[in-house]
């Protein structure tokens, strides 16, 4: 079992003892999402699989925050922001923008990418290195800018 998964389960117990309902609810959502993915894939998630589950949840929270902000639902927006803060605790430290750009350029050179046709090769190679440390949609738009 991965160390992040162990930490989440330990933090659930801690939140129960501390009667921290918001944190407990969010961590239970994370645990349920992990278990659902494990059942669907019929495997125990490794650290990379766990990160992809967390990334998806972070992305969902960011999208919800934007929608609630547009709709003027400050109460729901605040709830999503609180969950986002908790989820980010389990994500690896974000990589600085300069490092991301240099890694993108290095990967483009390694793959020999010269046009948008090669975008998939570049993204495939970068995904493992940047997963959880960078917003992949931003990475994608940076690659497009460089290749076009």
N, C-alpha and C. Protein backbone atom coordinates (compact mmCIF):
# COMPACT_ATOMS: atom_id res chain seq x y z
N UNK A 1 0.85 -1.18 0.00
CA UNK A 1 0.00 0.00 0.00
C UNK A 1 0.90 1.24 0.00
N UNK A 2 0.45 2.27 -0.70
CA UNK A 2 1.28 3.47 -0.84
C UNK A 2 1.28 4.31 0.44
N UNK A 3 2.32 5.08 0.59
CA UNK A 3 2.45 5.89 1.80
C UNK A 3 1.39 6.99 1.86
N UNK A 4 1.02 7.55 0.71
CA UNK A 4 -0.02 8.59 0.68
C UNK A 4 -1.36 8.00 1.10
N UNK A 5 -1.62 6.81 0.64
CA UNK A 5 -2.88 6.14 1.01
C UNK A 5 -2.92 5.87 2.52
N UNK A 6 -1.81 5.42 3.07
CA UNK A 6 -1.71 5.20 4.51
C UNK A 6 -1.94 6.50 5.28
N UNK A 7 -1.34 7.58 4.77
CA UNK A 7 -1.47 8.88 5.43
C UNK A 7 -2.94 9.32 5.42
N UNK A 8 -3.63 9.11 4.30
CA UNK A 8 -5.04 9.50 4.20
C UNK A 8 -5.86 8.71 5.22
N UNK A 9 -5.63 7.41 5.31
CA UNK A 9 -6.37 6.58 6.25
C UNK A 9 -6.08 6.98 7.70
N UNK A 10 -4.82 7.29 7.99
CA UNK A 10 -4.46 7.75 9.33
C UNK A 10 -5.12 9.09 9.65
N UNK A 11 -5.17 9.98 8.65
CA UNK A 11 -5.77 11.29 8.84
C UNK A 11 -7.28 11.21 9.02
N UNK A 12 -7.90 10.19 8.42
CA UNK A 12 -9.33 9.96 8.64
C UNK A 12 -9.57 9.65 10.13
N UNK A 13 -8.74 8.77 10.67
CA UNK A 13 -8.87 8.41 12.09
C UNK A 13 -8.65 9.62 12.99
N UNK A 14 -7.65 10.42 12.65
CA UNK A 14 -7.35 11.62 13.43
C UNK A 14 -8.51 12.61 13.38
N UNK A 15 -9.09 12.78 12.18
CA UNK A 15 -10.22 13.70 12.03
C UNK A 15 -11.44 13.21 12.81
N UNK A 16 -11.62 11.89 12.86
CA UNK A 16 -12.74 11.32 13.64
C UNK A 16 -12.57 11.64 15.11
N UNK A 17 -11.35 11.42 15.61
CA UNK A 17 -11.08 11.67 17.03
C UNK A 17 -11.21 13.15 17.37
N UNK A 18 -10.81 14.01 16.43
CA UNK A 18 -10.87 15.46 16.66
C UNK A 18 -12.26 16.03 16.37
N UNK A 19 -13.14 15.19 15.86
CA UNK A 19 -14.51 15.59 15.48
C UNK A 19 -14.49 16.76 14.48
N UNK A 20 -13.55 16.69 13.54
CA UNK A 20 -13.40 17.69 12.48
C UNK A 20 -14.24 17.21 11.29
N UNK A 21 -15.51 17.62 11.25
CA UNK A 21 -16.46 17.09 10.28
C UNK A 21 -16.08 17.42 8.83
N UNK A 22 -15.64 18.66 8.58
CA UNK A 22 -15.31 19.05 7.21
C UNK A 22 -14.14 18.22 6.67
N UNK A 23 -13.10 18.13 7.46
CA UNK A 23 -11.91 17.38 7.05
C UNK A 23 -12.26 15.90 6.89
N UNK A 24 -13.00 15.37 7.82
CA UNK A 24 -13.40 13.97 7.78
C UNK A 24 -14.21 13.68 6.52
N UNK A 25 -15.16 14.56 6.20
CA UNK A 25 -15.98 14.37 5.01
C UNK A 25 -15.16 14.36 3.74
N UNK A 26 -14.22 15.30 3.64
CA UNK A 26 -13.37 15.37 2.45
C UNK A 26 -12.48 14.14 2.34
N UNK A 27 -11.88 13.73 3.44
CA UNK A 27 -10.99 12.57 3.41
C UNK A 27 -11.76 11.29 3.10
N UNK A 28 -13.00 11.22 3.55
CA UNK A 28 -13.82 10.04 3.21
C UNK A 28 -14.14 10.03 1.71
N UNK A 29 -14.37 11.22 1.14
CA UNK A 29 -14.58 11.30 -0.32
C UNK A 29 -13.35 10.79 -1.07
N UNK A 30 -12.17 11.19 -0.59
CA UNK A 30 -10.93 10.76 -1.22
C UNK A 30 -10.79 9.24 -1.10
N UNK A 31 -11.02 8.73 0.09
CA UNK A 31 -10.92 7.29 0.31
C UNK A 31 -11.91 6.51 -0.56
N UNK A 32 -13.12 7.02 -0.69
CA UNK A 32 -14.13 6.36 -1.52
C UNK A 32 -13.72 6.39 -3.00
N UNK A 33 -13.16 7.50 -3.45
CA UNK A 33 -12.72 7.60 -4.84
C UNK A 33 -11.58 6.62 -5.12
N UNK A 34 -10.68 6.48 -4.15
CA UNK A 34 -9.56 5.54 -4.31
C UNK A 34 -10.08 4.11 -4.38
N UNK A 35 -10.98 3.77 -3.44
CA UNK A 35 -11.54 2.42 -3.42
C UNK A 35 -12.31 2.12 -4.70
N UNK A 36 -13.07 3.12 -5.19
CA UNK A 36 -13.83 2.93 -6.42
C UNK A 36 -12.90 2.64 -7.60
N UNK A 37 -11.81 3.39 -7.69
CA UNK A 37 -10.85 3.19 -8.77
C UNK A 37 -10.19 1.82 -8.65
N UNK A 38 -9.89 1.39 -7.42
CA UNK A 38 -9.29 0.08 -7.21
C UNK A 38 -10.25 -1.04 -7.61
N UNK A 39 -11.52 -0.87 -7.29
CA UNK A 39 -12.51 -1.87 -7.66
C UNK A 39 -12.69 -1.90 -9.18
N UNK A 40 -12.76 -0.73 -9.79
CA UNK A 40 -12.94 -0.65 -11.24
C UNK A 40 -11.76 -1.28 -11.98
N UNK A 41 -10.55 -1.00 -11.50
CA UNK A 41 -9.34 -1.51 -12.17
C UNK A 41 -8.92 -2.89 -11.66
N UNK A 42 -9.56 -3.35 -10.59
CA UNK A 42 -9.25 -4.64 -9.96
C UNK A 42 -7.77 -4.76 -9.58
N UNK A 43 -7.28 -3.69 -8.95
CA UNK A 43 -5.88 -3.65 -8.54
C UNK A 43 -5.72 -2.69 -7.37
N UNK A 44 -4.59 -2.80 -6.68
CA UNK A 44 -4.26 -1.81 -5.65
C UNK A 44 -3.55 -0.66 -6.35
N UNK A 45 -3.96 0.55 -6.05
CA UNK A 45 -3.35 1.71 -6.69
C UNK A 45 -1.95 1.95 -6.15
N UNK A 46 -1.04 2.22 -7.06
CA UNK A 46 0.29 2.64 -6.64
C UNK A 46 0.26 4.16 -6.46
N UNK A 47 1.40 4.73 -6.17
CA UNK A 47 1.48 6.17 -5.90
C UNK A 47 1.01 6.99 -7.11
N UNK A 48 1.37 6.54 -8.31
CA UNK A 48 0.98 7.27 -9.53
C UNK A 48 -0.53 7.22 -9.74
N UNK A 49 -1.15 6.07 -9.52
CA UNK A 49 -2.60 5.94 -9.65
C UNK A 49 -3.33 6.78 -8.62
N UNK A 50 -2.77 6.81 -7.42
CA UNK A 50 -3.35 7.63 -6.35
C UNK A 50 -3.28 9.11 -6.71
N UNK A 51 -2.17 9.52 -7.29
CA UNK A 51 -2.02 10.91 -7.71
C UNK A 51 -3.03 11.28 -8.79
N UNK A 52 -3.30 10.35 -9.70
CA UNK A 52 -4.27 10.66 -10.75
C UNK A 52 -5.68 10.83 -10.17
N UNK A 53 -6.02 10.06 -9.15
CA UNK A 53 -7.31 10.21 -8.48
C UNK A 53 -7.38 11.58 -7.80
N UNK A 54 -6.31 11.94 -7.09
CA UNK A 54 -6.27 13.23 -6.41
C UNK A 54 -6.30 14.39 -7.41
N UNK A 55 -5.57 14.24 -8.52
CA UNK A 55 -5.58 15.29 -9.55
C UNK A 55 -6.99 15.52 -10.09
N UNK A 56 -7.68 14.41 -10.33
CA UNK A 56 -9.05 14.52 -10.86
C UNK A 56 -9.95 15.24 -9.86
N UNK A 57 -9.80 14.92 -8.59
CA UNK A 57 -10.62 15.57 -7.57
C UNK A 57 -10.30 17.06 -7.45
N UNK A 58 -9.01 17.40 -7.54
CA UNK A 58 -8.61 18.80 -7.49
C UNK A 58 -9.20 19.56 -8.68
N UNK A 59 -9.12 18.95 -9.85
CA UNK A 59 -9.66 19.57 -11.07
C UNK A 59 -11.17 19.79 -10.93
N UNK A 60 -11.87 18.80 -10.39
CA UNK A 60 -13.31 18.93 -10.19
C UNK A 60 -13.63 20.09 -9.25
N UNK A 61 -12.85 20.20 -8.18
CA UNK A 61 -13.09 21.29 -7.22
C UNK A 61 -12.86 22.65 -7.86
N UNK A 62 -11.80 22.78 -8.66
CA UNK A 62 -11.51 24.05 -9.32
C UNK A 62 -12.64 24.43 -10.29
N UNK A 63 -13.15 23.45 -11.03
CA UNK A 63 -14.25 23.72 -11.95
C UNK A 63 -15.52 24.12 -11.19
N UNK A 64 -15.78 23.44 -10.09
CA UNK A 64 -16.96 23.75 -9.28
C UNK A 64 -16.86 25.15 -8.68
N UNK A 65 -15.67 25.51 -8.21
CA UNK A 65 -15.47 26.84 -7.64
C UNK A 65 -15.79 27.91 -8.68
N UNK A 66 -15.31 27.72 -9.90
CA UNK A 66 -15.57 28.69 -10.97
C UNK A 66 -17.06 28.80 -11.26
N UNK A 67 -17.75 27.65 -11.30
CA UNK A 67 -19.19 27.65 -11.58
C UNK A 67 -19.97 28.31 -10.45
N UNK A 68 -19.62 28.00 -9.21
CA UNK A 68 -20.33 28.60 -8.08
C UNK A 68 -20.06 30.09 -7.99
N UNK A 69 -18.86 30.49 -8.35
CA UNK A 69 -18.52 31.91 -8.34
C UNK A 69 -19.37 32.65 -9.38
N UNK A 70 -19.52 32.05 -10.56
CA UNK A 70 -20.34 32.64 -11.61
C UNK A 70 -21.80 32.75 -11.18
N UNK A 71 -22.27 31.74 -10.47
CA UNK A 71 -23.67 31.70 -10.06
C UNK A 71 -23.93 32.51 -8.78
N UNK A 72 -22.86 33.00 -8.15
CA UNK A 72 -23.03 33.78 -6.93
C UNK A 72 -23.36 32.95 -5.71
N UNK A 73 -22.97 31.69 -5.73
CA UNK A 73 -23.22 30.79 -4.60
C UNK A 73 -21.99 30.74 -3.70
N UNK A 74 -21.82 31.77 -2.89
CA UNK A 74 -20.64 31.90 -2.04
C UNK A 74 -20.54 30.77 -1.02
N UNK A 75 -21.68 30.28 -0.54
CA UNK A 75 -21.66 29.20 0.45
C UNK A 75 -21.06 27.92 -0.13
N UNK A 76 -21.51 27.55 -1.33
CA UNK A 76 -21.00 26.34 -1.97
C UNK A 76 -19.56 26.53 -2.44
N UNK A 77 -19.24 27.73 -2.88
CA UNK A 77 -17.88 28.04 -3.30
C UNK A 77 -16.91 27.87 -2.13
N UNK A 78 -17.29 28.38 -0.96
CA UNK A 78 -16.44 28.27 0.23
C UNK A 78 -16.22 26.81 0.61
N UNK A 79 -17.25 25.98 0.49
CA UNK A 79 -17.13 24.56 0.81
C UNK A 79 -16.14 23.88 -0.13
N UNK A 80 -16.26 24.18 -1.42
CA UNK A 80 -15.35 23.59 -2.41
C UNK A 80 -13.91 24.06 -2.18
N UNK A 81 -13.75 25.33 -1.83
CA UNK A 81 -12.40 25.86 -1.58
C UNK A 81 -11.77 25.18 -0.37
N UNK A 82 -12.57 24.93 0.65
CA UNK A 82 -12.07 24.24 1.84
C UNK A 82 -11.63 22.82 1.49
N UNK A 83 -12.42 22.14 0.66
CA UNK A 83 -12.05 20.79 0.23
C UNK A 83 -10.78 20.82 -0.61
N UNK A 84 -10.65 21.83 -1.45
CA UNK A 84 -9.47 21.96 -2.30
C UNK A 84 -8.20 22.11 -1.46
N UNK A 85 -8.28 22.89 -0.40
CA UNK A 85 -7.13 23.08 0.48
C UNK A 85 -6.70 21.73 1.08
N UNK A 86 -7.67 20.95 1.51
CA UNK A 86 -7.38 19.64 2.11
C UNK A 86 -6.77 18.71 1.07
N UNK A 87 -7.34 18.69 -0.14
CA UNK A 87 -6.82 17.81 -1.19
C UNK A 87 -5.39 18.15 -1.57
N UNK A 88 -5.08 19.44 -1.61
CA UNK A 88 -3.73 19.87 -2.01
C UNK A 88 -2.66 19.43 -1.01
N UNK A 89 -3.06 19.13 0.22
CA UNK A 89 -2.10 18.65 1.21
C UNK A 89 -1.48 17.32 0.80
N UNK A 90 -2.17 16.55 -0.01
CA UNK A 90 -1.71 15.22 -0.40
C UNK A 90 -1.06 15.21 -1.77
N UNK A 91 -1.02 16.36 -2.42
CA UNK A 91 -0.39 16.47 -3.73
C UNK A 91 1.08 16.79 -3.54
N UNK A 92 1.92 16.35 -4.48
CA UNK A 92 3.33 16.72 -4.38
C UNK A 92 3.50 18.23 -4.60
N UNK A 93 4.64 18.75 -4.19
CA UNK A 93 4.90 20.18 -4.34
C UNK A 93 4.89 20.56 -5.82
N UNK A 94 4.24 21.68 -6.14
CA UNK A 94 4.14 22.14 -7.52
C UNK A 94 5.52 22.52 -8.05
N UNK A 95 5.73 22.20 -9.32
CA UNK A 95 7.00 22.51 -9.96
C UNK A 95 6.97 23.96 -10.46
N UNK A 96 8.05 24.70 -10.31
CA UNK A 96 8.08 26.09 -10.79
C UNK A 96 7.90 26.16 -12.31
N UNK A 97 7.31 27.25 -12.78
CA UNK A 97 7.01 27.42 -14.21
C UNK A 97 8.26 27.33 -15.08
N UNK A 98 9.37 27.87 -14.61
CA UNK A 98 10.61 27.84 -15.40
C UNK A 98 11.08 26.40 -15.61
N UNK A 99 10.99 25.59 -14.56
CA UNK A 99 11.39 24.18 -14.68
C UNK A 99 10.49 23.44 -15.64
N UNK A 100 9.20 23.73 -15.58
CA UNK A 100 8.24 23.07 -16.48
C UNK A 100 8.59 23.40 -17.92
N UNK A 101 8.82 24.69 -18.20
CA UNK A 101 9.14 25.10 -19.58
C UNK A 101 10.43 24.45 -20.07
N UNK A 102 11.46 24.41 -19.22
CA UNK A 102 12.72 23.80 -19.65
C UNK A 102 12.54 22.30 -19.88
N UNK A 103 11.73 21.64 -19.05
CA UNK A 103 11.45 20.22 -19.23
C UNK A 103 10.69 19.97 -20.53
N UNK A 104 9.75 20.86 -20.84
CA UNK A 104 8.99 20.74 -22.10
C UNK A 104 9.94 20.85 -23.29
N UNK A 105 10.78 21.87 -23.28
CA UNK A 105 11.72 22.08 -24.40
C UNK A 105 12.70 20.90 -24.53
N UNK A 106 13.17 20.40 -23.40
CA UNK A 106 14.09 19.25 -23.41
C UNK A 106 13.39 18.02 -24.00
N UNK A 107 12.15 17.79 -23.59
CA UNK A 107 11.39 16.63 -24.08
C UNK A 107 11.10 16.76 -25.57
N UNK A 108 10.78 17.96 -26.02
CA UNK A 108 10.55 18.18 -27.46
C UNK A 108 11.80 17.83 -28.25
N UNK A 109 12.97 18.22 -27.74
CA UNK A 109 14.22 17.89 -28.41
C UNK A 109 14.48 16.38 -28.39
N UNK A 110 14.23 15.74 -27.24
CA UNK A 110 14.46 14.29 -27.12
C UNK A 110 13.59 13.50 -28.09
N UNK A 111 12.32 13.89 -28.17
CA UNK A 111 11.37 13.18 -29.02
C UNK A 111 11.57 13.54 -30.50
N UNK A 112 12.15 14.70 -30.73
CA UNK A 112 12.33 15.17 -32.10
C UNK A 112 11.05 15.75 -32.66
N UNK A 113 10.22 16.32 -31.78
CA UNK A 113 8.93 16.88 -32.20
C UNK A 113 9.16 18.15 -33.01
N UNK A 114 8.41 18.26 -34.11
CA UNK A 114 8.56 19.43 -34.96
C UNK A 114 7.22 20.07 -35.32
N UNK A 115 6.14 19.33 -35.10
CA UNK A 115 4.82 19.88 -35.44
C UNK A 115 3.78 19.39 -34.44
N UNK A 116 2.57 19.86 -34.61
CA UNK A 116 1.47 19.47 -33.71
C UNK A 116 1.19 17.97 -33.77
N UNK A 117 1.60 17.31 -34.84
CA UNK A 117 1.40 15.86 -34.96
C UNK A 117 2.14 15.10 -33.85
N UNK A 118 3.22 15.70 -33.38
CA UNK A 118 4.06 15.05 -32.37
C UNK A 118 3.63 15.37 -30.94
N UNK A 119 2.55 16.10 -30.79
CA UNK A 119 2.09 16.54 -29.47
C UNK A 119 1.85 15.36 -28.52
N UNK A 120 1.25 14.29 -29.02
CA UNK A 120 0.95 13.11 -28.20
C UNK A 120 2.21 12.47 -27.63
N UNK A 121 3.26 12.41 -28.45
CA UNK A 121 4.53 11.83 -27.98
C UNK A 121 5.10 12.65 -26.83
N UNK A 122 5.06 13.97 -26.99
CA UNK A 122 5.61 14.87 -25.98
C UNK A 122 4.79 14.77 -24.70
N UNK A 123 3.46 14.82 -24.81
CA UNK A 123 2.58 14.74 -23.63
C UNK A 123 2.76 13.40 -22.92
N UNK A 124 2.86 12.33 -23.68
CA UNK A 124 3.02 11.00 -23.10
C UNK A 124 4.27 10.90 -22.26
N UNK A 125 5.35 11.48 -22.77
CA UNK A 125 6.62 11.42 -22.04
C UNK A 125 6.60 12.33 -20.80
N UNK A 126 5.93 13.48 -20.93
CA UNK A 126 5.90 14.44 -19.82
C UNK A 126 4.94 14.05 -18.71
N UNK A 127 3.89 13.34 -19.04
CA UNK A 127 2.85 13.04 -18.06
C UNK A 127 3.41 12.37 -16.80
N UNK A 128 4.25 11.39 -16.97
CA UNK A 128 4.83 10.68 -15.83
C UNK A 128 5.70 11.57 -14.97
N UNK A 129 6.41 12.51 -15.62
CA UNK A 129 7.32 13.37 -14.88
C UNK A 129 6.60 14.51 -14.18
N UNK A 130 5.49 14.97 -14.74
CA UNK A 130 4.82 16.15 -14.21
C UNK A 130 3.52 15.85 -13.46
N UNK A 131 3.10 14.61 -13.46
CA UNK A 131 1.82 14.28 -12.85
C UNK A 131 1.77 14.71 -11.39
N UNK A 132 0.75 15.50 -11.08
CA UNK A 132 0.55 15.99 -9.73
C UNK A 132 1.39 17.21 -9.39
N UNK A 133 2.36 17.52 -10.23
CA UNK A 133 3.25 18.65 -9.95
C UNK A 133 2.97 19.84 -10.86
N UNK A 134 2.09 19.62 -11.88
CA UNK A 134 1.76 20.71 -12.80
C UNK A 134 0.37 20.45 -13.38
N UNK A 135 -0.32 21.51 -13.76
CA UNK A 135 -1.62 21.40 -14.40
C UNK A 135 -1.38 20.99 -15.85
N UNK A 136 -1.80 19.78 -16.19
CA UNK A 136 -1.49 19.24 -17.51
C UNK A 136 -2.17 20.01 -18.64
N UNK A 137 -3.28 20.69 -18.37
CA UNK A 137 -3.91 21.50 -19.42
C UNK A 137 -3.03 22.71 -19.74
N UNK A 138 -2.39 23.27 -18.72
CA UNK A 138 -1.46 24.38 -18.95
C UNK A 138 -0.21 23.89 -19.69
N UNK A 139 0.25 22.70 -19.33
CA UNK A 139 1.41 22.12 -20.00
C UNK A 139 1.08 21.90 -21.48
N UNK A 140 -0.11 21.41 -21.74
CA UNK A 140 -0.56 21.18 -23.11
C UNK A 140 -0.57 22.48 -23.91
N UNK A 141 -1.08 23.54 -23.32
CA UNK A 141 -1.13 24.81 -24.06
C UNK A 141 0.28 25.36 -24.27
N UNK A 142 1.21 25.13 -23.35
CA UNK A 142 2.60 25.55 -23.54
C UNK A 142 3.24 24.78 -24.69
N UNK A 143 2.98 23.48 -24.76
CA UNK A 143 3.53 22.66 -25.84
C UNK A 143 2.99 23.15 -27.18
N UNK A 144 1.69 23.42 -27.23
CA UNK A 144 1.09 23.92 -28.47
C UNK A 144 1.75 25.22 -28.91
N UNK A 145 1.98 26.12 -27.96
CA UNK A 145 2.61 27.40 -28.28
C UNK A 145 4.02 27.20 -28.84
N UNK A 146 4.76 26.26 -28.27
CA UNK A 146 6.12 26.03 -28.72
C UNK A 146 6.15 25.35 -30.09
N UNK A 147 5.25 24.38 -30.30
CA UNK A 147 5.25 23.62 -31.55
C UNK A 147 4.63 24.38 -32.74
N UNK A 148 3.82 25.39 -32.45
CA UNK A 148 3.18 26.08 -33.58
C UNK A 148 3.94 27.31 -34.02
